[in-house]
Protein backbone atom coordinates (compact mmCIF):
# COMPACT_ATOMS: atom_id res chain seq x y z
CA MET A 1 199.33 68.05 99.77
CA THR A 2 196.19 66.62 101.34
CA PRO A 3 193.96 68.55 103.78
CA ALA A 4 195.42 66.49 106.64
CA GLU A 5 198.94 67.44 105.59
CA LEU A 6 197.91 71.07 105.18
CA SER A 7 196.30 71.01 108.62
CA ARG A 8 199.60 69.84 110.09
CA THR A 9 201.40 72.62 108.19
CA VAL A 10 199.03 75.23 109.65
CA ILE A 11 199.57 73.83 113.16
CA GLY A 12 203.31 74.01 112.57
CA THR A 13 202.92 77.64 111.53
CA VAL A 14 201.06 78.42 114.75
CA ARG A 15 203.83 76.69 116.68
CA ARG A 16 206.46 78.84 114.94
CA ALA A 17 204.49 82.00 115.73
CA VAL A 18 204.31 80.99 119.39
CA ALA A 19 208.03 80.12 119.52
CA ALA A 20 208.84 83.55 118.04
CA ASP A 21 206.59 85.20 120.65
CA GLU A 22 204.39 86.64 117.92
CA LEU A 23 201.42 84.82 119.44
CA ARG A 24 200.85 83.84 123.04
CA VAL A 25 198.40 80.99 122.84
CA ALA A 26 198.23 77.22 123.28
CA VAL A 27 198.99 75.44 120.01
CA PRO A 28 195.82 73.57 118.96
CA ASP A 29 195.84 69.82 118.46
CA ARG A 30 193.57 70.07 115.42
CA VAL A 31 192.90 72.72 112.80
CA VAL A 32 190.00 72.45 110.35
CA VAL A 33 191.02 72.84 106.70
CA GLN A 34 188.33 72.47 104.07
CA ARG A 35 187.39 73.32 100.51
CA PRO A 36 186.06 76.89 100.23
CA PRO A 37 182.33 77.35 99.58
CA ARG A 38 182.80 78.97 96.17
CA PRO A 39 185.43 79.31 93.41
CA GLY A 40 187.99 82.09 93.58
CA CYS A 41 188.73 81.63 97.29
CA GLY A 42 191.85 79.49 96.99
CA ASP A 43 192.10 75.73 97.21
CA TYR A 44 191.47 75.48 100.95
CA ALA A 45 190.25 77.69 103.76
CA THR A 46 190.73 77.67 107.53
CA ASN A 47 189.24 79.63 110.40
CA VAL A 48 192.25 79.07 112.67
CA ALA A 49 192.77 82.83 113.17
CA LEU A 50 189.22 83.21 114.49
CA GLN A 51 189.76 80.17 116.68
CA LEU A 52 192.92 81.62 118.27
CA ALA A 53 192.02 85.31 118.45
CA GLY A 54 190.30 85.26 121.84
CA PRO A 55 192.92 83.22 123.70
CA ALA A 56 195.69 85.27 122.05
CA GLY A 57 194.14 88.59 123.05
CA ARG A 58 194.21 89.78 119.43
CA THR A 59 191.65 90.48 116.75
CA PRO A 60 191.12 87.67 114.22
CA ARG A 61 192.56 89.94 111.54
CA GLN A 62 195.78 90.48 113.51
CA VAL A 63 196.21 86.74 114.05
CA ALA A 64 195.46 86.11 110.38
CA GLU A 65 198.14 88.60 109.29
CA ILE A 66 200.77 86.85 111.41
CA LEU A 67 199.83 83.36 110.21
CA SER A 68 199.43 84.44 106.59
CA ARG A 69 202.99 85.78 106.46
CA LEU A 70 204.47 82.63 107.98
CA LEU A 71 202.28 80.21 106.06
CA SER A 72 203.13 81.82 102.71
CA ALA A 73 206.75 80.74 103.19
CA GLU A 74 205.87 77.05 103.58
CA PRO A 75 206.80 74.63 100.76
CA GLY A 76 203.87 73.70 98.56
CA ILE A 77 201.91 76.89 99.25
CA ALA A 78 201.67 79.45 96.47
CA GLN A 79 199.51 82.11 98.14
CA VAL A 80 197.62 82.91 101.33
CA GLU A 81 194.90 85.56 101.36
CA ILE A 82 192.90 86.95 104.26
CA ALA A 83 189.16 87.05 103.72
CA GLY A 84 186.37 88.55 105.80
CA PRO A 85 187.10 88.90 109.51
CA GLY A 86 190.13 86.60 109.38
CA PHE A 87 189.64 83.48 107.28
CA LEU A 88 192.78 82.25 105.52
CA ASN A 89 192.31 81.21 101.89
CA ILE A 90 195.21 79.01 100.83
CA THR A 91 196.30 78.29 97.26
CA LEU A 92 198.66 75.37 96.65
CA ASP A 93 201.41 75.45 94.06
CA ALA A 94 201.50 73.10 91.08
CA ARG A 95 204.06 70.80 92.68
CA ALA A 96 201.78 70.19 95.65
CA TYR A 97 199.09 69.06 93.22
CA ALA A 98 201.54 66.72 91.50
CA ASP A 99 202.42 65.24 94.89
CA VAL A 100 198.76 64.33 95.45
CA VAL A 101 198.66 62.35 92.20
CA ARG A 102 201.91 60.57 93.02
CA GLN A 103 200.65 59.75 96.51
CA VAL A 104 197.38 58.25 95.25
CA ARG A 105 199.09 56.18 92.58
CA ALA A 106 201.69 54.92 95.05
CA GLN A 107 199.18 53.98 97.76
CA GLY A 108 196.56 52.53 95.42
CA GLY A 109 193.82 50.79 97.37
CA GLU A 110 195.16 52.14 100.67
CA TYR A 111 194.62 55.80 99.73
CA GLY A 112 191.99 57.32 101.97
CA ARG A 113 192.78 55.12 104.96
CA GLY A 114 194.24 56.84 107.98
CA GLU A 115 194.74 56.84 111.72
CA GLY A 116 192.57 59.79 112.72
CA LEU A 117 190.33 57.60 114.88
CA THR A 118 193.09 55.52 116.44
CA GLY A 119 192.16 54.90 120.04
CA GLU A 120 188.40 54.95 119.39
CA ALA A 121 187.16 51.44 120.06
CA VAL A 122 183.59 50.94 118.87
CA THR A 123 181.36 48.63 116.86
CA VAL A 124 178.15 50.11 115.47
CA VAL A 125 174.97 48.03 115.54
CA PRO A 126 171.50 48.93 114.19
CA ALA A 127 168.88 50.00 116.69
CA ASP A 128 166.40 47.86 114.75
CA THR A 129 168.20 44.61 113.95
CA GLY A 130 165.37 43.49 111.71
CA ALA A 131 165.61 46.42 109.30
CA VAL A 132 167.56 46.02 106.06
CA ARG A 133 168.81 49.60 105.98
CA GLY A 134 170.00 49.52 109.57
CA ARG A 135 172.08 46.41 108.98
CA LEU A 136 173.67 47.74 105.78
CA VAL A 137 174.44 51.17 107.21
CA ALA A 138 175.96 49.68 110.36
CA GLU A 139 178.10 47.35 108.28
CA THR A 140 179.30 50.27 106.14
CA VAL A 141 179.96 52.57 109.10
CA ASN A 142 182.07 49.86 110.71
CA ARG A 143 184.05 49.56 107.47
CA LEU A 144 184.60 53.34 107.51
CA LEU A 145 185.63 53.27 111.16
CA ARG A 146 188.28 50.63 110.47
CA ALA A 147 189.53 52.63 107.47
CA ALA A 148 189.91 55.67 109.75
CA GLY A 149 191.90 53.74 112.34
CA ALA A 150 189.22 52.82 114.88
CA VAL A 151 189.38 49.31 116.38
CA PRO A 152 186.44 47.04 117.30
CA GLY A 153 185.06 47.65 120.76
CA PRO A 154 181.84 48.19 122.74
CA THR A 155 178.67 48.42 120.70
CA GLU A 156 177.02 51.70 119.77
CA SER A 157 173.40 51.78 118.62
CA LEU A 158 172.60 53.53 115.32
CA SER A 159 169.08 54.89 114.68
CA LEU A 160 167.84 55.57 111.14
CA THR A 161 164.67 56.40 109.30
CA GLU A 162 163.85 53.06 107.70
CA GLU A 163 162.50 52.19 104.27
CA ASP A 164 159.13 50.55 103.81
CA ARG A 165 159.42 47.07 105.23
CA THR A 166 161.11 44.75 102.78
CA THR A 167 163.53 41.87 102.94
CA GLN A 168 167.13 42.15 101.80
CA GLU A 169 166.51 39.30 99.39
CA ASP A 170 163.60 41.13 97.76
CA LEU A 171 165.49 44.43 97.56
CA PHE A 172 168.59 42.84 96.06
CA ARG A 173 166.47 40.83 93.63
CA ARG A 174 164.72 43.95 92.33
CA LEU A 175 167.72 46.29 92.25
CA GLY A 176 170.82 44.14 92.41
CA PRO A 177 173.34 44.47 95.27
CA ASP A 178 175.02 47.68 94.07
CA ALA A 179 171.91 49.76 93.39
CA ALA A 180 170.27 48.43 96.56
CA ARG A 181 173.22 49.48 98.69
CA TRP A 182 173.31 52.90 97.04
CA ALA A 183 169.58 53.39 97.60
CA LEU A 184 169.95 52.72 101.33
CA LEU A 185 173.30 54.44 101.95
CA ARG A 186 172.94 57.63 99.90
CA PRO A 187 170.12 59.35 101.88
CA PRO A 188 171.08 60.98 105.21
CA ALA A 189 170.07 59.01 108.30
CA GLU A 190 166.97 61.15 108.90
CA ASP A 191 165.62 60.67 105.35
CA ALA A 192 163.71 57.57 104.31
CA PRO A 193 165.07 55.75 101.23
CA ARG A 194 162.81 55.45 98.21
CA THR A 195 163.00 51.90 96.88
CA THR A 196 159.51 50.45 96.52
CA ALA A 197 157.67 52.37 93.78
CA PRO A 198 158.27 51.35 90.14
CA ALA A 199 159.56 54.87 89.38
CA ASP A 200 162.13 54.52 92.18
CA THR A 201 163.35 51.22 90.79
CA GLU A 202 163.58 52.69 87.30
CA ALA A 203 165.58 55.72 88.52
CA LEU A 204 168.01 53.56 90.53
CA LEU A 205 168.69 51.25 87.58
CA ALA A 206 168.78 53.90 84.84
CA GLN A 207 171.94 53.87 82.74
CA ARG A 208 171.99 57.62 82.20
CA ALA A 209 173.49 60.77 83.70
CA ALA A 210 170.47 61.51 85.89
CA ASN A 211 171.41 58.49 88.01
CA PRO A 212 174.26 59.46 90.41
CA LEU A 213 175.46 55.89 90.89
CA PHE A 214 175.65 55.39 87.13
CA ARG A 215 177.70 58.62 86.79
CA ILE A 216 180.16 57.46 89.44
CA ARG A 217 180.63 54.01 87.96
CA TYR A 218 180.74 55.43 84.42
CA ALA A 219 183.42 57.93 85.46
CA HIS A 220 185.47 55.09 86.95
CA ALA A 221 185.14 53.04 83.76
CA ARG A 222 186.22 56.07 81.70
CA THR A 223 189.40 56.44 83.78
CA ARG A 224 190.27 52.81 83.07
CA ALA A 225 189.53 53.29 79.34
CA LEU A 226 191.83 56.32 79.26
CA LEU A 227 194.64 54.22 80.70
CA ARG A 228 194.14 51.51 78.09
CA ASN A 229 193.96 54.02 75.24
CA ALA A 230 196.99 55.94 76.50
CA HIS A 231 199.02 52.72 76.40
CA ASP A 232 197.87 52.03 72.85
CA LEU A 233 198.80 55.58 71.74
CA GLY A 234 202.25 55.49 73.32
CA VAL A 235 201.63 58.02 76.10
CA ASP A 236 204.41 57.57 78.67
CA ILE A 237 202.45 57.93 81.89
CA GLU A 238 205.48 57.05 84.02
CA SER A 239 207.35 60.13 82.80
CA THR A 240 209.28 61.97 85.55
CA VAL A 241 208.46 65.42 84.15
CA ASP A 242 206.68 67.62 86.71
CA ASP A 243 202.92 67.55 86.22
CA PRO A 244 201.72 70.91 84.83
CA TYR A 245 198.31 71.20 86.52
CA HIS A 246 196.91 74.69 86.02
CA HIS A 247 193.53 74.39 84.33
CA PRO A 248 190.56 75.05 86.66
CA ALA A 249 189.04 71.67 85.78
CA GLU A 250 192.30 69.99 86.82
CA THR A 251 192.66 71.86 90.10
CA GLU A 252 189.01 71.27 91.03
CA LEU A 253 189.47 67.56 90.48
CA LEU A 254 192.75 67.50 92.39
CA GLY A 255 191.18 69.27 95.35
CA LEU A 256 188.46 66.62 95.60
CA ILE A 257 191.02 63.81 95.34
CA ALA A 258 193.14 65.39 98.07
CA ASP A 259 190.05 65.81 100.26
CA PHE A 260 189.11 62.13 100.10
CA PRO A 261 190.95 60.97 103.27
CA ARG A 262 189.29 63.75 105.28
CA VAL A 263 185.87 62.80 103.90
CA VAL A 264 186.39 59.15 104.88
CA GLU A 265 187.35 60.15 108.42
CA THR A 266 184.42 62.59 108.72
CA ALA A 267 181.96 59.98 107.42
CA ALA A 268 183.29 57.59 110.06
CA ARG A 269 183.12 60.16 112.87
CA ARG A 270 179.58 61.19 111.98
CA ARG A 271 178.44 57.61 111.27
CA ALA A 272 177.31 59.03 107.92
CA PRO A 273 178.20 57.04 104.78
CA ASP A 274 176.00 59.47 102.82
CA ARG A 275 178.83 62.01 103.16
CA LEU A 276 181.15 59.68 101.27
CA ALA A 277 178.47 58.97 98.66
CA ARG A 278 177.98 62.69 98.00
CA HIS A 279 181.74 63.21 97.71
CA LEU A 280 181.95 60.47 95.09
CA GLU A 281 179.18 62.21 93.13
CA ARG A 282 181.14 65.48 93.18
CA LEU A 283 184.33 63.68 92.21
CA ALA A 284 182.69 61.90 89.29
CA ASP A 285 181.11 65.12 88.03
CA ALA A 286 184.44 66.95 88.31
CA PHE A 287 186.16 64.18 86.36
CA LEU A 288 183.59 64.29 83.57
CA ARG A 289 184.12 68.08 83.29
CA PHE A 290 187.88 67.53 83.27
CA GLN A 291 187.50 64.93 80.53
CA ASP A 292 185.59 67.40 78.37
CA GLU A 293 187.82 70.41 78.99
CA CYS A 294 191.30 68.88 79.27
CA PRO A 295 192.04 66.31 76.53
CA ALA A 296 194.17 63.54 78.00
CA LEU A 297 194.97 61.80 74.72
CA PRO A 298 196.59 63.07 71.51
CA LYS A 299 194.31 63.50 68.51
CA GLY A 300 195.08 62.85 64.86
CA ASP A 301 198.75 63.49 64.10
CA GLU A 302 199.35 65.11 67.49
CA LYS A 303 202.27 63.58 69.38
CA PRO A 304 201.97 62.56 73.04
CA SER A 305 203.13 65.34 75.34
CA ALA A 306 203.94 65.85 79.00
CA ALA A 307 200.50 67.42 79.43
CA HIS A 308 198.84 64.28 78.05
CA ALA A 309 200.84 62.06 80.38
CA ALA A 310 200.06 64.26 83.39
CA ARG A 311 196.35 64.19 82.63
CA VAL A 312 196.32 60.42 82.23
CA ARG A 313 198.04 60.15 85.60
CA LEU A 314 195.37 62.40 87.06
CA ALA A 315 192.66 60.21 85.50
CA ASP A 316 194.36 57.15 86.97
CA ALA A 317 194.37 58.75 90.44
CA THR A 318 190.71 59.68 90.04
CA GLY A 319 189.81 56.11 89.17
CA THR A 320 191.65 54.86 92.23
CA VAL A 321 189.75 57.19 94.53
CA LEU A 322 186.39 56.36 92.95
CA ALA A 323 187.11 52.64 93.32
CA ASN A 324 188.28 53.04 96.92
CA GLY A 325 185.18 55.03 97.82
CA LEU A 326 182.81 52.55 96.20
CA GLN A 327 184.60 49.68 97.95
CA LEU A 328 184.06 51.37 101.32
CA LEU A 329 180.35 51.52 100.47
CA GLY A 330 180.37 47.84 99.47
CA ILE A 331 179.70 48.69 95.80
CA THR A 332 181.62 47.36 92.80
CA ALA A 333 183.62 49.58 90.43
CA PRO A 334 183.43 48.14 86.89
CA GLU A 335 186.31 48.46 84.42
CA HIS A 336 183.84 48.64 81.51
CA ILE A 337 180.35 50.09 81.09
């Protein structure tokens, strides 16, 4: 279950509460569902009860109690807890996690694309057409807009803090296309990229964990290596056994995978490819923790198990999302590093 699907489930729950006359309020068109700020607060959180309390003439806690009871009965939801004044912390069941993996593997390169911006016709152009960063960011934002369902239309000017004046040819010569794009897309719009000093160049090209782009591309290459090794070791990754995802490293990774379509849409809405770049960093780091804590391949005389197959499928889904995210940024995703 992705955040978009969960959002629709929450809206459906509000609709049921209204139909049963438990709440008297207009059913919202959109409900925000997002990852909680810290561990131990479920897989997702929503402030819908606070949003509806005033119009419903109830306290947020009262609205939360109604929605919590109804939402807990929905398929794919294991638990709903009320936190603070009325936030709903939602925990998905294991089958919902397995559905995310199946969805990513089925959609492949299309996973993350959606229709959230259907009807928004716009083409972004740089305010300064002579600036390298402006042109690259505008190009990337337009790619994100199309992925989120927006169609080309009237132009919209995009203002950024620019790098020291340089030509695209010089930047790409010094850094290569991938590192150059990362250097210009990763900082928020109000921050100036750092690309000119020798130390900046060294950091952007470093093949070590301190370099976020290296970690992302390394994580992608590791997912592809796991698939190759699983095949060689006889792990049946197309098994139909339900995926037993329970380990915290697995559920953290699954949550970030499920959140990817929402991140793409938000990056498009905000004209902020840096949001996608940061999500890919978190996803790569979560995968590397998962790789350390949840062995995906049998060792020694150990026979391949359902857990091994499930973890290889999860690694495959992770690689797909990393590749899709890098493609949206115009950056390659190598099979080997």
